[in-house]
Amino acid sequence: MTGGGRGIGAAVALRLAQQGADVALTFHNNERRAEEVVDQVKAAGRRAVAIQADSADPAALTAAIDRTADELGRLDILVNNAGGFPVGPLEQVRLEEFDHTVAVNVRAPFVAAQAAVPHMRAGGRIITIGSMVADRVVFPGFSLYAMSKTALTGLTKALGRELGPRGITVNLVSPGATDTELNPADGPNAEVINGFTALGRYAAPADVAAAVAFLAGEDGQYITGATLTVDGGFTI
């Protein structure tokens, strides 16, 4: 899994471990946080490894996936979780910021899938974390982020079609506002966001992890090319 050191990624790592998976996760800078997740996975009785890799670096990402398959002996599930969250007026978006966002949010899931598939057998799963803003944008300043997350819908459908004959499913989990360090449930915009959400509250990271676990598990074996929205009714 890419970006598993905190928030949704950490919750996914633990949930998959509880369902019997060994877990490898990447981190960019914060090794301590990643190792804490590794310790939690090991406490659940599964093997775990944290690998330093910048998702914006295709070579590093590919090497991390190859190492995962080597150290854990196989690769059954790829979760593309790492992502950037750029927000700001159109006029202030720098070309460098555009390129980096596309590299992390769009190119990295493509590269990761490209690297993972040769290691996968029938029954393999590719699950990418998207965003509700691909369907509904209610605040200004989200043009770059929404564009990058919308691209994942096309990638998911196309890969689902391409990899279906090999028995590999490809799906997208699209969370709404989730209580993480980047967007806390008691943050300055929380009241407004809750007002747009049918259930009137943020998701917990565990809510998103449950959706990933469903798609990764036996009950998700006949679902591919789909988007599973976990947004509390934000987009209805």
C-alpha atoms as a PDB file:
ATOM      1  CA  MET A   1       0.000   0.000   0.000  1.00  0.00           C
ATOM      2  CA  THR A   2       1.261   3.450  -0.843  1.00  0.00           C
ATOM      3  CA  GLY A   3       1.092   6.089   1.867  1.00  0.00           C
ATOM      4  CA  GLY A   4       0.159   3.924   4.824  1.00  0.00           C
ATOM      5  CA  GLY A   5       1.676   5.863   7.696  1.00  0.00           C
ATOM      6  CA  ARG A   6      -1.355   7.783   8.911  1.00  0.00           C
ATOM      7  CA  GLY A   7      -5.053   8.525   8.456  1.00  0.00           C
ATOM      8  CA  ILE A   8      -6.909   6.403   5.939  1.00  0.00           C
ATOM      9  CA  GLY A   9      -3.784   4.484   4.960  1.00  0.00           C
ATOM     10  CA  ALA A  10      -3.025   3.423   8.510  1.00  0.00           C
ATOM     11  CA  ALA A  11      -6.633   2.348   9.037  1.00  0.00           C
ATOM     12  CA  VAL A  12      -6.580   0.307   5.829  1.00  0.00           C
ATOM     13  CA  ALA A  13      -3.323  -1.394   6.805  1.00  0.00           C
ATOM     14  CA  LEU A  14      -4.725  -2.451  10.167  1.00  0.00           C
ATOM     15  CA  ARG A  15      -8.076  -3.590   8.768  1.00  0.00           C
ATOM     16  CA  LEU A  16      -6.445  -5.730   6.085  1.00  0.00           C
ATOM     17  CA  ALA A  17      -4.140  -7.228   8.707  1.00  0.00           C
ATOM     18  CA  GLN A  18      -7.146  -8.092  10.857  1.00  0.00           C
ATOM     19  CA  GLN A  19      -8.567  -9.921   7.829  1.00  0.00           C
ATOM     20  CA  GLY A  20      -5.409 -11.987   7.495  1.00  0.00           C
ATOM     21  CA  ALA A  21      -3.184  -9.990   5.153  1.00  0.00           C
ATOM     22  CA  ASP A  22       0.506  -9.305   5.531  1.00  0.00           C
ATOM     23  CA  VAL A  23       1.124  -5.636   4.813  1.00  0.00           C
ATOM     24  CA  ALA A  24       3.807  -3.526   3.193  1.00  0.00           C
ATOM     25  CA  LEU A  25       3.366   0.230   3.264  1.00  0.00           C
ATOM     26  CA  THR A  26       5.328   3.124   1.852  1.00  0.00           C
ATOM     27  CA  PHE A  27       6.175   6.385   3.535  1.00  0.00           C
ATOM     28  CA  HIS A  28       7.825   9.519   2.223  1.00  0.00           C
ATOM     29  CA  ASN A  29       9.310  11.300   5.237  1.00  0.00           C
ATOM     30  CA  ASN A  30       7.823  10.152   8.529  1.00  0.00           C
ATOM     31  CA  GLU A  31       9.444   6.799   9.250  1.00  0.00           C
ATOM     32  CA  ARG A  32       8.376   6.873  12.903  1.00  0.00           C
ATOM     33  CA  ARG A  33       4.677   6.986  12.037  1.00  0.00           C
ATOM     34  CA  ALA A  34       5.079   4.239   9.462  1.00  0.00           C
ATOM     35  CA  GLU A  35       6.860   2.006  11.969  1.00  0.00           C
ATOM     36  CA  GLU A  36       4.046   2.567  14.466  1.00  0.00           C
ATOM     37  CA  VAL A  37       1.617   1.154  11.904  1.00  0.00           C
ATOM     38  CA  VAL A  38       3.993  -1.757  11.293  1.00  0.00           C
ATOM     39  CA  ASP A  39       3.969  -2.476  15.031  1.00  0.00           C
ATOM     40  CA  GLN A  40       0.160  -2.450  15.064  1.00  0.00           C
ATOM     41  CA  VAL A  41       0.002  -4.877  12.163  1.00  0.00           C
ATOM     42  CA  LYS A  42       2.486  -7.191  13.870  1.00  0.00           C
ATOM     43  CA  ALA A  43       0.432  -6.988  17.056  1.00  0.00           C
ATOM     44  CA  ALA A  44      -2.486  -8.275  14.987  1.00  0.00           C
ATOM     45  CA  GLY A  45      -0.377 -11.330  14.173  1.00  0.00           C
ATOM     46  CA  ARG A  46       0.664 -10.466  10.625  1.00  0.00           C
ATOM     47  CA  ARG A  47       3.956  -9.611   8.955  1.00  0.00           C
ATOM     48  CA  ALA A  48       4.608  -5.989   8.022  1.00  0.00           C
ATOM     49  CA  VAL A  49       7.281  -3.832   6.445  1.00  0.00           C
ATOM     50  CA  ALA A  50       7.607  -0.069   5.928  1.00  0.00           C
ATOM     51  CA  ILE A  51       9.434   1.076   2.799  1.00  0.00           C
ATOM     52  CA  GLN A  52      10.658   4.605   2.137  1.00  0.00           C
ATOM     53  CA  ALA A  53       9.482   5.684  -1.318  1.00  0.00           C
ATOM     54  CA  ASP A  54       8.356   8.965  -2.809  1.00  0.00           C
ATOM     55  CA  SER A  55       5.270   8.237  -4.902  1.00  0.00           C
ATOM     56  CA  ALA A  56       6.291  11.044  -7.248  1.00  0.00           C
ATOM     57  CA  ASP A  57       9.377   8.979  -8.159  1.00  0.00           C
ATOM     58  CA  PRO A  58       8.371   6.135 -10.514  1.00  0.00           C
ATOM     59  CA  ALA A  59      11.618   4.224 -10.000  1.00  0.00           C
ATOM     60  CA  ALA A  60      11.300   4.346  -6.207  1.00  0.00           C
ATOM     61  CA  LEU A  61       7.665   3.280  -6.351  1.00  0.00           C
ATOM     62  CA  THR A  62       8.386   0.362  -8.660  1.00  0.00           C
ATOM     63  CA  ALA A  63      11.296  -0.736  -6.478  1.00  0.00           C
ATOM     64  CA  ALA A  64       9.053  -0.636  -3.393  1.00  0.00           C
ATOM     65  CA  ILE A  65       6.487  -2.893  -5.046  1.00  0.00           C
ATOM     66  CA  ASP A  66       9.136  -5.343  -6.237  1.00  0.00           C
ATOM     67  CA  ARG A  67      10.602  -5.408  -2.730  1.00  0.00           C
ATOM     68  CA  THR A  68       7.170  -6.069  -1.261  1.00  0.00           C
ATOM     69  CA  ALA A  69       6.641  -9.097  -3.467  1.00  0.00           C
ATOM     70  CA  ASP A  70      10.137 -10.340  -2.656  1.00  0.00           C
ATOM     71  CA  GLU A  71       9.981  -9.898   1.128  1.00  0.00           C
ATOM     72  CA  LEU A  72       6.404 -11.077   1.633  1.00  0.00           C
ATOM     73  CA  GLY A  73       6.594 -13.798  -1.012  1.00  0.00           C
ATOM     74  CA  ARG A  74       3.602 -12.655  -3.065  1.00  0.00           C
ATOM     75  CA  LEU A  75       1.452  -9.666  -3.922  1.00  0.00           C
ATOM     76  CA  ASP A  76      -2.318 -10.064  -3.890  1.00  0.00           C
ATOM     77  CA  ILE A  77      -3.633  -6.566  -3.147  1.00  0.00           C
ATOM     78  CA  LEU A  78      -2.435  -3.131  -4.195  1.00  0.00           C
ATOM     79  CA  VAL A  79      -3.959  -0.132  -2.431  1.00  0.00           C
ATOM     80  CA  ASN A  80      -3.096   3.222  -3.998  1.00  0.00           C
ATOM     81  CA  ASN A  81      -3.575   5.555  -1.076  1.00  0.00           C
ATOM     82  CA  ALA A  82      -0.788   8.158  -1.271  1.00  0.00           C
ATOM     83  CA  GLY A  83      -1.978  11.508  -2.557  1.00  0.00           C
ATOM     84  CA  GLY A  84      -1.491  15.236  -2.485  1.00  0.00           C
ATOM     85  CA  PHE A  85      -4.195  17.698  -1.437  1.00  0.00           C
ATOM     86  CA  PRO A  86      -3.512  21.025  -3.189  1.00  0.00           C
ATOM     87  CA  VAL A  87      -6.103  23.743  -2.646  1.00  0.00           C
ATOM     88  CA  GLY A  88      -5.930  27.315  -3.890  1.00  0.00           C
ATOM     89  CA  PRO A  89      -7.172  29.815  -6.477  1.00  0.00           C
ATOM     90  CA  LEU A  90      -6.569  28.967 -10.119  1.00  0.00           C
ATOM     91  CA  GLU A  91      -4.393  32.041 -10.632  1.00  0.00           C
ATOM     92  CA  GLN A  92      -2.025  30.936  -7.869  1.00  0.00           C
ATOM     93  CA  VAL A  93      -1.414  27.359  -9.053  1.00  0.00           C
ATOM     94  CA  ARG A  94       2.198  27.057 -10.170  1.00  0.00           C
ATOM     95  CA  LEU A  95       3.183  24.712 -12.962  1.00  0.00           C
ATOM     96  CA  GLU A  96       5.472  22.847 -10.543  1.00  0.00           C
ATOM     97  CA  GLU A  97       2.524  22.254  -8.219  1.00  0.00           C
ATOM     98  CA  PHE A  98       0.435  21.007 -11.137  1.00  0.00           C
ATOM     99  CA  ASP A  99       3.143  18.577 -12.223  1.00  0.00           C
ATOM    100  CA  HIS A 100       3.709  17.254  -8.700  1.00  0.00           C
ATOM    101  CA  THR A 101      -0.012  16.745  -8.076  1.00  0.00           C
ATOM    102  CA  VAL A 102      -0.440  14.813 -11.298  1.00  0.00           C
ATOM    103  CA  ALA A 103       2.684  12.784 -10.519  1.00  0.00           C
ATOM    104  CA  VAL A 104       1.412  11.717  -7.084  1.00  0.00           C
ATOM    105  CA  ASN A 105      -2.346  11.536  -7.621  1.00  0.00           C
ATOM    106  CA  VAL A 106      -2.486  10.189 -11.189  1.00  0.00           C
ATOM    107  CA  ARG A 107       0.838   8.872 -12.448  1.00  0.00           C
ATOM    108  CA  ALA A 108       1.695   7.004  -9.237  1.00  0.00           C
ATOM    109  CA  PRO A 109      -1.443   4.791  -9.268  1.00  0.00           C
ATOM    110  CA  PHE A 110      -0.744   3.982 -12.918  1.00  0.00           C
ATOM    111  CA  VAL A 111       2.921   3.167 -12.261  1.00  0.00           C
ATOM    112  CA  ALA A 112       2.048   1.154  -9.158  1.00  0.00           C
ATOM    113  CA  ALA A 113      -0.484  -0.922 -11.070  1.00  0.00           C
ATOM    114  CA  GLN A 114       2.016  -1.438 -13.879  1.00  0.00           C
ATOM    115  CA  ALA A 115       4.592  -2.682 -11.370  1.00  0.00           C
ATOM    116  CA  ALA A 116       2.173  -4.787  -9.308  1.00  0.00           C
ATOM    117  CA  VAL A 117       0.343  -6.713 -12.022  1.00  0.00           C
ATOM    118  CA  PRO A 118       3.301  -8.924 -13.039  1.00  0.00           C
ATOM    119  CA  HIS A 119       3.400 -10.170  -9.438  1.00  0.00           C
ATOM    120  CA  MET A 120      -0.353 -10.846  -9.252  1.00  0.00           C
ATOM    121  CA  ARG A 121      -2.263 -14.018  -9.947  1.00  0.00           C
ATOM    122  CA  ALA A 122      -5.962 -14.475 -10.618  1.00  0.00           C
ATOM    123  CA  GLY A 123      -7.831 -13.066  -7.657  1.00  0.00           C
ATOM    124  CA  GLY A 124      -5.567 -10.022  -7.373  1.00  0.00           C
ATOM    125  CA  ARG A 125      -7.089  -6.706  -6.344  1.00  0.00           C
ATOM    126  CA  ILE A 126      -6.163  -3.121  -7.182  1.00  0.00           C
ATOM    127  CA  ILE A 127      -7.975  -0.516  -5.088  1.00  0.00           C
ATOM    128  CA  THR A 128      -7.366   3.210  -5.386  1.00  0.00           C
ATOM    129  CA  ILE A 129      -8.469   5.943  -2.993  1.00  0.00           C
ATOM    130  CA  GLY A 130     -10.216   8.735  -4.871  1.00  0.00           C
ATOM    131  CA  SER A 131     -12.336  11.600  -3.580  1.00  0.00           C
ATOM    132  CA  MET A 132     -15.916  12.822  -3.552  1.00  0.00           C
ATOM    133  CA  VAL A 133     -14.773  16.018  -5.285  1.00  0.00           C
ATOM    134  CA  ALA A 134     -14.625  14.034  -8.512  1.00  0.00           C
ATOM    135  CA  ASP A 135     -18.454  14.156  -8.378  1.00  0.00           C
ATOM    136  CA  ARG A 136     -19.276  17.317  -6.470  1.00  0.00           C
ATOM    137  CA  VAL A 137     -17.194  20.423  -5.845  1.00  0.00           C
ATOM    138  CA  VAL A 138     -18.871  22.894  -3.499  1.00  0.00           C
ATOM    139  CA  PHE A 139     -15.889  25.074  -2.590  1.00  0.00           C
ATOM    140  CA  PRO A 140     -13.655  27.197  -4.822  1.00  0.00           C
ATOM    141  CA  GLY A 141      -9.968  26.411  -5.136  1.00  0.00           C
ATOM    142  CA  PHE A 142     -10.287  22.683  -5.795  1.00  0.00           C
ATOM    143  CA  SER A 143      -9.696  22.684  -9.561  1.00  0.00           C
ATOM    144  CA  LEU A 144      -6.312  20.955  -9.505  1.00  0.00           C
ATOM    145  CA  TYR A 145      -7.238  18.398  -6.856  1.00  0.00           C
ATOM    146  CA  ALA A 146     -10.618  17.571  -8.422  1.00  0.00           C
ATOM    147  CA  MET A 147      -9.023  17.157 -11.845  1.00  0.00           C
ATOM    148  CA  SER A 148      -6.445  14.735 -10.503  1.00  0.00           C
ATOM    149  CA  LYS A 149      -8.992  12.632  -8.643  1.00  0.00           C
ATOM    150  CA  THR A 150     -11.416  12.562 -11.570  1.00  0.00           C
ATOM    151  CA  ALA A 151      -8.707  10.975 -13.718  1.00  0.00           C
ATOM    152  CA  LEU A 152      -8.795   7.936 -11.434  1.00  0.00           C
ATOM    153  CA  THR A 153     -12.302   7.053 -12.581  1.00  0.00           C
ATOM    154  CA  GLY A 154     -11.105   6.542 -16.143  1.00  0.00           C
ATOM    155  CA  LEU A 155      -8.047   4.635 -14.979  1.00  0.00           C
ATOM    156  CA  THR A 156     -10.170   2.336 -12.829  1.00  0.00           C
ATOM    157  CA  LYS A 157     -12.653   1.521 -15.591  1.00  0.00           C
ATOM    158  CA  ALA A 158      -9.978   0.962 -18.231  1.00  0.00           C
ATOM    159  CA  LEU A 159      -7.814  -1.228 -16.005  1.00  0.00           C
ATOM    160  CA  GLY A 160     -10.886  -3.153 -14.888  1.00  0.00           C
ATOM    161  CA  ARG A 161     -11.617  -3.980 -18.516  1.00  0.00           C
ATOM    162  CA  GLU A 162      -8.000  -4.805 -19.352  1.00  0.00           C
ATOM    163  CA  LEU A 163      -7.236  -6.951 -16.315  1.00  0.00           C
ATOM    164  CA  GLY A 164     -10.586  -8.713 -16.025  1.00  0.00           C
ATOM    165  CA  PRO A 165      -9.543 -11.628 -18.258  1.00  0.00           C
ATOM    166  CA  ARG A 166      -6.616 -12.187 -15.890  1.00  0.00           C
ATOM    167  CA  GLY A 167      -8.939 -12.420 -12.892  1.00  0.00           C
ATOM    168  CA  ILE A 168      -7.711  -9.141 -11.353  1.00  0.00           C
ATOM    169  CA  THR A 169     -10.304  -6.639 -10.164  1.00  0.00           C
ATOM    170  CA  VAL A 170      -9.757  -2.879 -10.145  1.00  0.00           C
ATOM    171  CA  ASN A 171     -11.920  -0.525  -8.105  1.00  0.00           C
ATOM    172  CA  LEU A 172     -12.039   2.979  -6.713  1.00  0.00           C
ATOM    173  CA  VAL A 173     -13.078   4.003  -3.194  1.00  0.00           C
ATOM    174  CA  SER A 174     -14.252   7.598  -3.112  1.00  0.00           C
ATOM    175  CA  PRO A 175     -14.321   9.006   0.440  1.00  0.00           C
ATOM    176  CA  GLY A 176     -16.043  12.127   1.594  1.00  0.00           C
ATOM    177  CA  ALA A 177     -14.700  14.318   4.373  1.00  0.00           C
ATOM    178  CA  THR A 178     -12.739  12.019   6.669  1.00  0.00           C
ATOM    179  CA  ASP A 179     -11.435  12.857  10.113  1.00  0.00           C
ATOM    180  CA  THR A 180      -7.670  13.002   9.557  1.00  0.00           C
ATOM    181  CA  GLU A 181      -4.859  15.377  10.374  1.00  0.00           C
ATOM    182  CA  LEU A 182      -5.281  17.102   7.008  1.00  0.00           C
ATOM    183  CA  ASN A 183      -9.024  17.630   7.467  1.00  0.00           C
ATOM    184  CA  PRO A 184     -10.031  17.184  11.107  1.00  0.00           C
ATOM    185  CA  ALA A 185     -13.671  16.775  12.077  1.00  0.00           C
ATOM    186  CA  ASP A 186     -13.317  19.785  14.386  1.00  0.00           C
ATOM    187  CA  GLY A 187     -11.568  21.953  11.797  1.00  0.00           C
ATOM    188  CA  PRO A 188     -12.646  25.437  10.666  1.00  0.00           C
ATOM    189  CA  ASN A 189     -14.737  24.151   7.726  1.00  0.00           C
ATOM    190  CA  ALA A 190     -16.273  21.155   9.481  1.00  0.00           C
ATOM    191  CA  GLU A 191     -19.637  22.735  10.228  1.00  0.00           C
ATOM    192  CA  VAL A 192     -20.135  23.765   6.600  1.00  0.00           C
ATOM    193  CA  ILE A 193     -19.024  20.366   5.294  1.00  0.00           C
ATOM    194  CA  ASN A 194     -21.342  18.569   7.696  1.00  0.00           C
ATOM    195  CA  GLY A 195     -24.172  20.740   6.414  1.00  0.00           C
ATOM    196  CA  PHE A 196     -23.641  19.365   2.908  1.00  0.00           C
ATOM    197  CA  THR A 197     -23.487  15.770   4.166  1.00  0.00           C
ATOM    198  CA  ALA A 198     -26.698  13.765   4.527  1.00  0.00           C
ATOM    199  CA  LEU A 199     -25.460  12.014   7.669  1.00  0.00           C
ATOM    200  CA  GLY A 200     -24.241  15.309   9.090  1.00  0.00           C
ATOM    201  CA  ARG A 201     -20.774  14.148  10.141  1.00  0.00           C
ATOM    202  CA  TYR A 202     -17.319  13.204   8.943  1.00  0.00           C
ATOM    203  CA  ALA A 203     -16.289   9.644   8.209  1.00  0.00           C
ATOM    204  CA  ALA A 204     -13.797   7.925  10.455  1.00  0.00           C
ATOM    205  CA  PRO A 205     -10.761   6.440   8.677  1.00  0.00           C
ATOM    206  CA  ALA A 206     -12.116   3.026   9.691  1.00  0.00           C
ATOM    207  CA  ASP A 207     -15.241   3.669   7.594  1.00  0.00           C
ATOM    208  CA  VAL A 208     -13.127   4.023   4.467  1.00  0.00           C
ATOM    209  CA  ALA A 209     -10.956   1.074   5.464  1.00  0.00           C
ATOM    210  CA  ALA A 210     -14.062  -1.096   5.716  1.00  0.00           C
ATOM    211  CA  ALA A 211     -14.936  -0.320   2.100  1.00  0.00           C
ATOM    212  CA  VAL A 212     -11.413  -1.193   0.977  1.00  0.00           C
ATOM    213  CA  ALA A 213     -11.528  -4.426   2.963  1.00  0.00           C
ATOM    214  CA  PHE A 214     -14.840  -5.380   1.359  1.00  0.00           C
ATOM    215  CA  LEU A 215     -13.441  -4.918  -2.155  1.00  0.00           C
ATOM    216  CA  ALA A 216     -10.268  -6.773  -1.186  1.00  0.00           C
ATOM    217  CA  GLY A 217     -12.121  -9.677   0.377  1.00  0.00           C
ATOM    218  CA  GLU A 218     -14.039 -12.653  -0.957  1.00  0.00           C
ATOM    219  CA  ASP A 219     -17.330 -10.760  -1.093  1.00  0.00           C
ATOM    220  CA  GLY A 220     -15.847  -8.257  -3.544  1.00  0.00           C
ATOM    221  CA  GLN A 221     -14.646 -10.793  -6.099  1.00  0.00           C
ATOM    222  CA  TYR A 222     -17.291  -9.950  -8.736  1.00  0.00           C
ATOM    223  CA  ILE A 223     -16.938  -6.169  -8.564  1.00  0.00           C
ATOM    224  CA  THR A 224     -14.588  -4.409 -10.958  1.00  0.00           C
ATOM    225  CA  GLY A 225     -14.333  -1.046 -12.674  1.00  0.00           C
ATOM    226  CA  ALA A 226     -16.601   0.381  -9.995  1.00  0.00           C
ATOM    227  CA  THR A 227     -16.541   3.349  -7.656  1.00  0.00           C
ATOM    228  CA  LEU A 228     -17.644   2.738  -4.076  1.00  0.00           C
ATOM    229  CA  THR A 229     -18.603   6.095  -2.591  1.00  0.00           C
ATOM    230  CA  VAL A 230     -18.129   6.488   1.159  1.00  0.00           C
ATOM    231  CA  ASP A 231     -19.183  10.086   1.719  1.00  0.00           C
ATOM    232  CA  GLY A 232     -22.140  10.010   4.110  1.00  0.00           C
ATOM    233  CA  GLY A 233     -24.406  11.299   1.353  1.00  0.00           C
ATOM    234  CA  PHE A 234     -22.327  14.347   0.384  1.00  0.00           C
ATOM    235  CA  THR A 235     -22.855  13.746  -3.322  1.00  0.00           C
ATOM    236  CA  ILE A 236     -26.588  12.957  -3.292  1.00  0.00           C
END
